[in-house]
Amino acid sequence: MPSTVIRRFMYVPDTKELTVEFVTGRRYVYSEVPEDDVQAFRSAFAKGTHFNRYIRDHFPCREIASASAD
């Protein structure tokens, strides 16, 4: 089911980094995310709810500039 909050996400297993782009265009990289947590996120019916409950505020993160930023 498409999320109304999360536009897309990408995971790099080698670095355990999860990049999440929200529909607002803001992008964040979450560090030290285990692959099992990403698989649960990927298969969650409500991505936004799962993200808020199990990822946000549970892993170190930093905002990255959007591609359209000057």
PDB file of N, CA and C in Angstrom:
ATOM      1  N   MET A   1       0.841  -1.183   0.000  1.00  0.00           N
ATOM      2  CA  MET A   1       0.000   0.000   0.000  1.00  0.00           C
ATOM      3  C   MET A   1       0.880   1.237   0.000  1.00  0.00           C
ATOM      4  N   PRO A   2       0.636   2.193  -0.878  1.00  0.00           N
ATOM      5  CA  PRO A   2       1.420   3.425  -0.883  1.00  0.00           C
ATOM      6  C   PRO A   2       1.214   4.210   0.412  1.00  0.00           C
ATOM      7  N   SER A   3       2.265   4.870   0.843  1.00  0.00           N
ATOM      8  CA  SER A   3       2.200   5.667   2.062  1.00  0.00           C
ATOM      9  C   SER A   3       1.788   7.100   1.735  1.00  0.00           C
ATOM     10  N   THR A   4       1.053   7.719   2.622  1.00  0.00           N
ATOM     11  CA  THR A   4       0.689   9.124   2.449  1.00  0.00           C
ATOM     12  C   THR A   4       1.753  10.029   3.047  1.00  0.00           C
ATOM     13  N   VAL A   5       2.738   9.447   3.727  1.00  0.00           N
ATOM     14  CA  VAL A   5       3.775  10.222   4.405  1.00  0.00           C
ATOM     15  C   VAL A   5       5.160   9.989   3.793  1.00  0.00           C
ATOM     16  N   ILE A   6       5.451   8.758   3.440  1.00  0.00           N
ATOM     17  CA  ILE A   6       6.779   8.383   2.946  1.00  0.00           C
ATOM     18  C   ILE A   6       6.726   8.183   1.434  1.00  0.00           C
ATOM     19  N   ARG A   7       7.538   8.958   0.723  1.00  0.00           N
ATOM     20  CA  ARG A   7       7.577   8.858  -0.740  1.00  0.00           C
ATOM     21  C   ARG A   7       8.371   7.639  -1.177  1.00  0.00           C
ATOM     22  N   ARG A   8       9.561   7.470  -0.599  1.00  0.00           N
ATOM     23  CA  ARG A   8      10.416   6.329  -0.953  1.00  0.00           C
ATOM     24  C   ARG A   8      11.471   6.140   0.121  1.00  0.00           C
ATOM     25  N   PHE A   9      12.078   4.977   0.100  1.00  0.00           N
ATOM     26  CA  PHE A   9      13.193   4.719   1.013  1.00  0.00           C
ATOM     27  C   PHE A   9      14.160   3.762   0.342  1.00  0.00           C
ATOM     28  N   MET A  10      15.406   3.808   0.804  1.00  0.00           N
ATOM     29  CA  MET A  10      16.469   2.983   0.249  1.00  0.00           C
ATOM     30  C   MET A  10      17.357   2.519   1.397  1.00  0.00           C
ATOM     31  N   TYR A  11      17.779   1.282   1.332  1.00  0.00           N
ATOM     32  CA  TYR A  11      18.625   0.728   2.385  1.00  0.00           C
ATOM     33  C   TYR A  11      19.924   0.204   1.794  1.00  0.00           C
ATOM     34  N   VAL A  12      21.034   0.492   2.472  1.00  0.00           N
ATOM     35  CA  VAL A  12      22.352  -0.013   2.072  1.00  0.00           C
ATOM     36  C   VAL A  12      22.826  -0.953   3.179  1.00  0.00           C
ATOM     37  N   PRO A  13      22.743  -2.260   2.949  1.00  0.00           N
ATOM     38  CA  PRO A  13      23.094  -3.221   4.005  1.00  0.00           C
ATOM     39  C   PRO A  13      24.541  -3.114   4.495  1.00  0.00           C
ATOM     40  N   ASP A  14      25.463  -2.796   3.602  1.00  0.00           N
ATOM     41  CA  ASP A  14      26.879  -2.733   3.983  1.00  0.00           C
ATOM     42  C   ASP A  14      27.141  -1.661   5.050  1.00  0.00           C
ATOM     43  N   THR A  15      26.415  -0.564   4.965  1.00  0.00           N
ATOM     44  CA  THR A  15      26.614   0.533   5.919  1.00  0.00           C
ATOM     45  C   THR A  15      25.494   0.622   6.950  1.00  0.00           C
ATOM     46  N   LYS A  16      24.446  -0.203   6.770  1.00  0.00           N
ATOM     47  CA  LYS A  16      23.270  -0.195   7.639  1.00  0.00           C
ATOM     48  C   LYS A  16      22.605   1.179   7.681  1.00  0.00           C
ATOM     49  N   GLU A  17      22.583   1.842   6.521  1.00  0.00           N
ATOM     50  CA  GLU A  17      21.959   3.159   6.422  1.00  0.00           C
ATOM     51  C   GLU A  17      20.643   3.076   5.657  1.00  0.00           C
ATOM     52  N   LEU A  18      19.623   3.634   6.266  1.00  0.00           N
ATOM     53  CA  LEU A  18      18.294   3.703   5.672  1.00  0.00           C
ATOM     54  C   LEU A  18      18.010   5.157   5.337  1.00  0.00           C
ATOM     55  N   THR A  19      17.804   5.448   4.060  1.00  0.00           N
ATOM     56  CA  THR A  19      17.454   6.800   3.624  1.00  0.00           C
ATOM     57  C   THR A  19      15.954   6.831   3.385  1.00  0.00           C
ATOM     58  N   VAL A  20      15.299   7.803   4.014  1.00  0.00           N
ATOM     59  CA  VAL A  20      13.850   7.938   3.895  1.00  0.00           C
ATOM     60  C   VAL A  20      13.533   9.313   3.330  1.00  0.00           C
ATOM     61  N   GLU A  21      12.744   9.343   2.259  1.00  0.00           N
ATOM     62  CA  GLU A  21      12.279  10.603   1.685  1.00  0.00           C
ATOM     63  C   GLU A  21      10.784  10.712   1.940  1.00  0.00           C
ATOM     64  N   PHE A  22      10.401  11.829   2.530  1.00  0.00           N
ATOM     65  CA  PHE A  22       9.003  12.064   2.856  1.00  0.00           C
ATOM     66  C   PHE A  22       8.315  12.809   1.718  1.00  0.00           C
ATOM     67  N   VAL A  23       7.009  12.798   1.702  1.00  0.00           N
ATOM     68  CA  VAL A  23       6.268  13.469   0.637  1.00  0.00           C
ATOM     69  C   VAL A  23       6.523  14.972   0.651  1.00  0.00           C
ATOM     70  N   THR A  24       7.001  15.493   1.752  1.00  0.00           N
ATOM     71  CA  THR A  24       7.346  16.920   1.843  1.00  0.00           C
ATOM     72  C   THR A  24       8.635  17.242   1.099  1.00  0.00           C
ATOM     73  N   GLY A  25       9.390  16.183   0.730  1.00  0.00           N
ATOM     74  CA  GLY A  25      10.673  16.378   0.058  1.00  0.00           C
ATOM     75  C   GLY A  25      11.853  16.296   1.006  1.00  0.00           C
ATOM     76  N   ARG A  26      11.608  16.310   2.306  1.00  0.00           N
ATOM     77  CA  ARG A  26      12.704  16.203   3.268  1.00  0.00           C
ATOM     78  C   ARG A  26      13.229  14.774   3.268  1.00  0.00           C
ATOM     79  N   ARG A  27      14.571  14.652   3.388  1.00  0.00           N
ATOM     80  CA  ARG A  27      15.215  13.350   3.371  1.00  0.00           C
ATOM     81  C   ARG A  27      16.106  13.195   4.595  1.00  0.00           C
ATOM     82  N   TYR A  28      16.077  12.006   5.165  1.00  0.00           N
ATOM     83  CA  TYR A  28      16.865  11.695   6.348  1.00  0.00           C
ATOM     84  C   TYR A  28      17.576  10.373   6.149  1.00  0.00           C
ATOM     85  N   VAL A  29      18.775  10.281   6.724  1.00  0.00           N
ATOM     86  CA  VAL A  29      19.532   9.036   6.721  1.00  0.00           C
ATOM     87  C   VAL A  29      19.569   8.536   8.160  1.00  0.00           C
ATOM     88  N   TYR A  30      19.093   7.317   8.346  1.00  0.00           N
ATOM     89  CA  TYR A  30      19.106   6.667   9.656  1.00  0.00           C
ATOM     90  C   TYR A  30      20.239   5.660   9.658  1.00  0.00           C
ATOM     91  N   SER A  31      21.091   5.730  10.679  1.00  0.00           N
ATOM     92  CA  SER A  31      22.288   4.887  10.767  1.00  0.00           C
ATOM     93  C   SER A  31      22.064   3.719  11.709  1.00  0.00           C
ATOM     94  N   GLU A  32      22.878   2.684  11.494  1.00  0.00           N
ATOM     95  CA  GLU A  32      22.895   1.515  12.377  1.00  0.00           C
ATOM     96  C   GLU A  32      21.553   0.764  12.395  1.00  0.00           C
ATOM     97  N   VAL A  33      20.843   0.786  11.275  1.00  0.00           N
ATOM     98  CA  VAL A  33      19.546   0.115  11.192  1.00  0.00           C
ATOM     99  C   VAL A  33      19.768  -1.333  10.742  1.00  0.00           C
ATOM    100  N   PRO A  34      19.401  -2.300  11.578  1.00  0.00           N
ATOM    101  CA  PRO A  34      19.565  -3.708  11.184  1.00  0.00           C
ATOM    102  C   PRO A  34      18.668  -4.067   9.999  1.00  0.00           C
ATOM    103  N   GLU A  35      19.150  -4.985   9.185  1.00  0.00           N
ATOM    104  CA  GLU A  35      18.408  -5.382   7.993  1.00  0.00           C
ATOM    105  C   GLU A  35      17.032  -5.970   8.337  1.00  0.00           C
ATOM    106  N   ASP A  36      16.938  -6.669   9.460  1.00  0.00           N
ATOM    107  CA  ASP A  36      15.647  -7.229   9.875  1.00  0.00           C
ATOM    108  C   ASP A  36      14.608  -6.126  10.104  1.00  0.00           C
ATOM    109  N   ASP A  37      15.050  -5.005  10.669  1.00  0.00           N
ATOM    110  CA  ASP A  37      14.136  -3.881  10.900  1.00  0.00           C
ATOM    111  C   ASP A  37      13.667  -3.282   9.578  1.00  0.00           C
ATOM    112  N   VAL A  38      14.565  -3.234   8.610  1.00  0.00           N
ATOM    113  CA  VAL A  38      14.202  -2.700   7.293  1.00  0.00           C
ATOM    114  C   VAL A  38      13.223  -3.639   6.595  1.00  0.00           C
ATOM    115  N   GLN A  39      13.438  -4.939   6.719  1.00  0.00           N
ATOM    116  CA  GLN A  39      12.513  -5.892   6.113  1.00  0.00           C
ATOM    117  C   GLN A  39      11.115  -5.768   6.720  1.00  0.00           C
ATOM    118  N   ALA A  40      11.049  -5.567   8.027  1.00  0.00           N
ATOM    119  CA  ALA A  40       9.749  -5.371   8.681  1.00  0.00           C
ATOM    120  C   ALA A  40       9.102  -4.085   8.180  1.00  0.00           C
ATOM    121  N   PHE A  41       9.886  -3.037   8.002  1.00  0.00           N
ATOM    122  CA  PHE A  41       9.396  -1.756   7.488  1.00  0.00           C
ATOM    123  C   PHE A  41       8.886  -1.941   6.058  1.00  0.00           C
ATOM    124  N   ARG A  42       9.653  -2.642   5.246  1.00  0.00           N
ATOM    125  CA  ARG A  42       9.299  -2.865   3.850  1.00  0.00           C
ATOM    126  C   ARG A  42       7.969  -3.617   3.727  1.00  0.00           C
ATOM    127  N   SER A  43       7.735  -4.576   4.607  1.00  0.00           N
ATOM    128  CA  SER A  43       6.522  -5.386   4.512  1.00  0.00           C
ATOM    129  C   SER A  43       5.350  -4.832   5.328  1.00  0.00           C
ATOM    130  N   ALA A  44       5.562  -3.753   6.055  1.00  0.00           N
ATOM    131  CA  ALA A  44       4.489  -3.177   6.871  1.00  0.00           C
ATOM    132  C   ALA A  44       3.370  -2.636   5.992  1.00  0.00           C
ATOM    133  N   PHE A  45       2.146  -2.870   6.405  1.00  0.00           N
ATOM    134  CA  PHE A  45       0.988  -2.361   5.671  1.00  0.00           C
ATOM    135  C   PHE A  45       0.934  -0.839   5.736  1.00  0.00           C
ATOM    136  N   ALA A  46       1.144  -0.282   6.929  1.00  0.00           N
ATOM    137  CA  ALA A  46       1.127   1.173   7.125  1.00  0.00           C
ATOM    138  C   ALA A  46       2.560   1.630   7.386  1.00  0.00           C
ATOM    139  N   LYS A  47       3.243   2.024   6.318  1.00  0.00           N
ATOM    140  CA  LYS A  47       4.659   2.404   6.418  1.00  0.00           C
ATOM    141  C   LYS A  47       4.885   3.556   7.401  1.00  0.00           C
ATOM    142  N   GLY A  48       4.046   4.581   7.335  1.00  0.00           N
ATOM    143  CA  GLY A  48       4.218   5.728   8.226  1.00  0.00           C
ATOM    144  C   GLY A  48       4.082   5.354   9.686  1.00  0.00           C
ATOM    145  N   THR A  49       3.098   4.537   9.995  1.00  0.00           N
ATOM    146  CA  THR A  49       2.893   4.092  11.376  1.00  0.00           C
ATOM    147  C   THR A  49       4.067   3.243  11.845  1.00  0.00           C
ATOM    148  N   HIS A  50       4.503   2.329  10.998  1.00  0.00           N
ATOM    149  CA  HIS A  50       5.648   1.481  11.352  1.00  0.00           C
ATOM    150  C   HIS A  50       6.900   2.332  11.555  1.00  0.00           C
ATOM    151  N   PHE A  51       7.130   3.259  10.651  1.00  0.00           N
ATOM    152  CA  PHE A  51       8.288   4.150  10.757  1.00  0.00           C
ATOM    153  C   PHE A  51       8.266   4.903  12.082  1.00  0.00           C
ATOM    154  N   ASN A  52       7.136   5.504  12.409  1.00  0.00           N
ATOM    155  CA  ASN A  52       7.033   6.287  13.647  1.00  0.00           C
ATOM    156  C   ASN A  52       7.230   5.432  14.889  1.00  0.00           C
ATOM    157  N   ARG A  53       6.752   4.218  14.853  1.00  0.00           N
ATOM    158  CA  ARG A  53       6.805   3.347  16.034  1.00  0.00           C
ATOM    159  C   ARG A  53       8.157   2.663  16.212  1.00  0.00           C
ATOM    160  N   TYR A  54       8.813   2.291  15.114  1.00  0.00           N
ATOM    161  CA  TYR A  54      10.002   1.441  15.234  1.00  0.00           C
ATOM    162  C   TYR A  54      11.309   2.027  14.705  1.00  0.00           C
ATOM    163  N   ILE A  55      11.260   3.115  13.955  1.00  0.00           N
ATOM    164  CA  ILE A  55      12.497   3.660  13.373  1.00  0.00           C
ATOM    165  C   ILE A  55      12.781   5.069  13.889  1.00  0.00           C
ATOM    166  N   ARG A  56      11.834   5.976  13.697  1.00  0.00           N
ATOM    167  CA  ARG A  56      12.032   7.347  14.168  1.00  0.00           C
ATOM    168  C   ARG A  56      12.312   7.341  15.669  1.00  0.00           C
ATOM    169  N   ASP A  57      13.272   8.090  16.086  1.00  0.00           N
ATOM    170  CA  ASP A  57      13.690   8.210  17.487  1.00  0.00           C
ATOM    171  C   ASP A  57      14.332   6.942  18.055  1.00  0.00           C
ATOM    172  N   HIS A  58      14.593   5.936  17.206  1.00  0.00           N
ATOM    173  CA  HIS A  58      15.248   4.715  17.675  1.00  0.00           C
ATOM    174  C   HIS A  58      16.652   4.559  17.109  1.00  0.00           C
ATOM    175  N   PHE A  59      16.964   5.316  16.064  1.00  0.00           N
ATOM    176  CA  PHE A  59      18.274   5.218  15.423  1.00  0.00           C
ATOM    177  C   PHE A  59      18.825   6.622  15.192  1.00  0.00           C
ATOM    178  N   PRO A  60      20.155   6.759  15.217  1.00  0.00           N
ATOM    179  CA  PRO A  60      20.747   8.068  14.916  1.00  0.00           C
ATOM    180  C   PRO A  60      20.358   8.489  13.498  1.00  0.00           C
ATOM    181  N   CYS A  61      20.077   9.782  13.322  1.00  0.00           N
ATOM    182  CA  CYS A  61      19.717  10.241  11.982  1.00  0.00           C
ATOM    183  C   CYS A  61      20.254  11.635  11.725  1.00  0.00           C
ATOM    184  N   ARG A  62      20.302  11.945  10.445  1.00  0.00           N
ATOM    185  CA  ARG A  62      20.691  13.304  10.019  1.00  0.00           C
ATOM    186  C   ARG A  62      19.874  13.629   8.780  1.00  0.00           C
ATOM    187  N   GLU A  63      19.536  14.897   8.655  1.00  0.00           N
ATOM    188  CA  GLU A  63      18.805  15.352   7.460  1.00  0.00           C
ATOM    189  C   GLU A  63      19.817  15.610   6.362  1.00  0.00           C
ATOM    190  N   ILE A  64      19.453  15.259   5.138  1.00  0.00           N
ATOM    191  CA  ILE A  64      20.316  15.552   4.003  1.00  0.00           C
ATOM    192  C   ILE A  64      19.578  16.519   3.083  1.00  0.00           C
ATOM    193  N   ALA A  65      20.348  17.333   2.403  1.00  0.00           N
ATOM    194  CA  ALA A  65      19.761  18.343   1.522  1.00  0.00           C
ATOM    195  C   ALA A  65      19.031  17.687   0.370  1.00  0.00           C
ATOM    196  N   SER A  66      17.951  18.288  -0.038  1.00  0.00           N
ATOM    197  CA  SER A  66      17.215  17.752  -1.186  1.00  0.00           C
ATOM    198  C   SER A  66      17.993  18.004  -2.459  1.00  0.00           C
ATOM    199  N   ALA A  67      17.709  17.227  -3.465  1.00  0.00           N
ATOM    200  CA  ALA A  67      18.407  17.349  -4.753  1.00  0.00           C
ATOM    201  C   ALA A  67      18.160  18.699  -5.398  1.00  0.00           C
ATOM    202  N   SER A  68      17.036  19.335  -5.061  1.00  0.00           N
ATOM    203  CA  SER A  68      16.693  20.617  -5.691  1.00  0.00           C
ATOM    204  C   SER A  68      17.287  21.803  -4.946  1.00  0.00           C
ATOM    205  N   ALA A  69      17.952  21.575  -3.807  1.00  0.00           N
ATOM    206  CA  ALA A  69      18.542  22.669  -3.036  1.00  0.00           C
ATOM    207  C   ALA A  69      19.737  23.243  -3.781  1.00  0.00           C
ATOM    208  N   ASP A  70      19.913  24.548  -3.677  1.00  0.00           N
ATOM    209  CA  ASP A  70      21.046  25.221  -4.336  1.00  0.00           C
ATOM    210  C   ASP A  70      22.245  25.275  -3.438  1.00  0.00           C
TER     211      ASP A  70
END
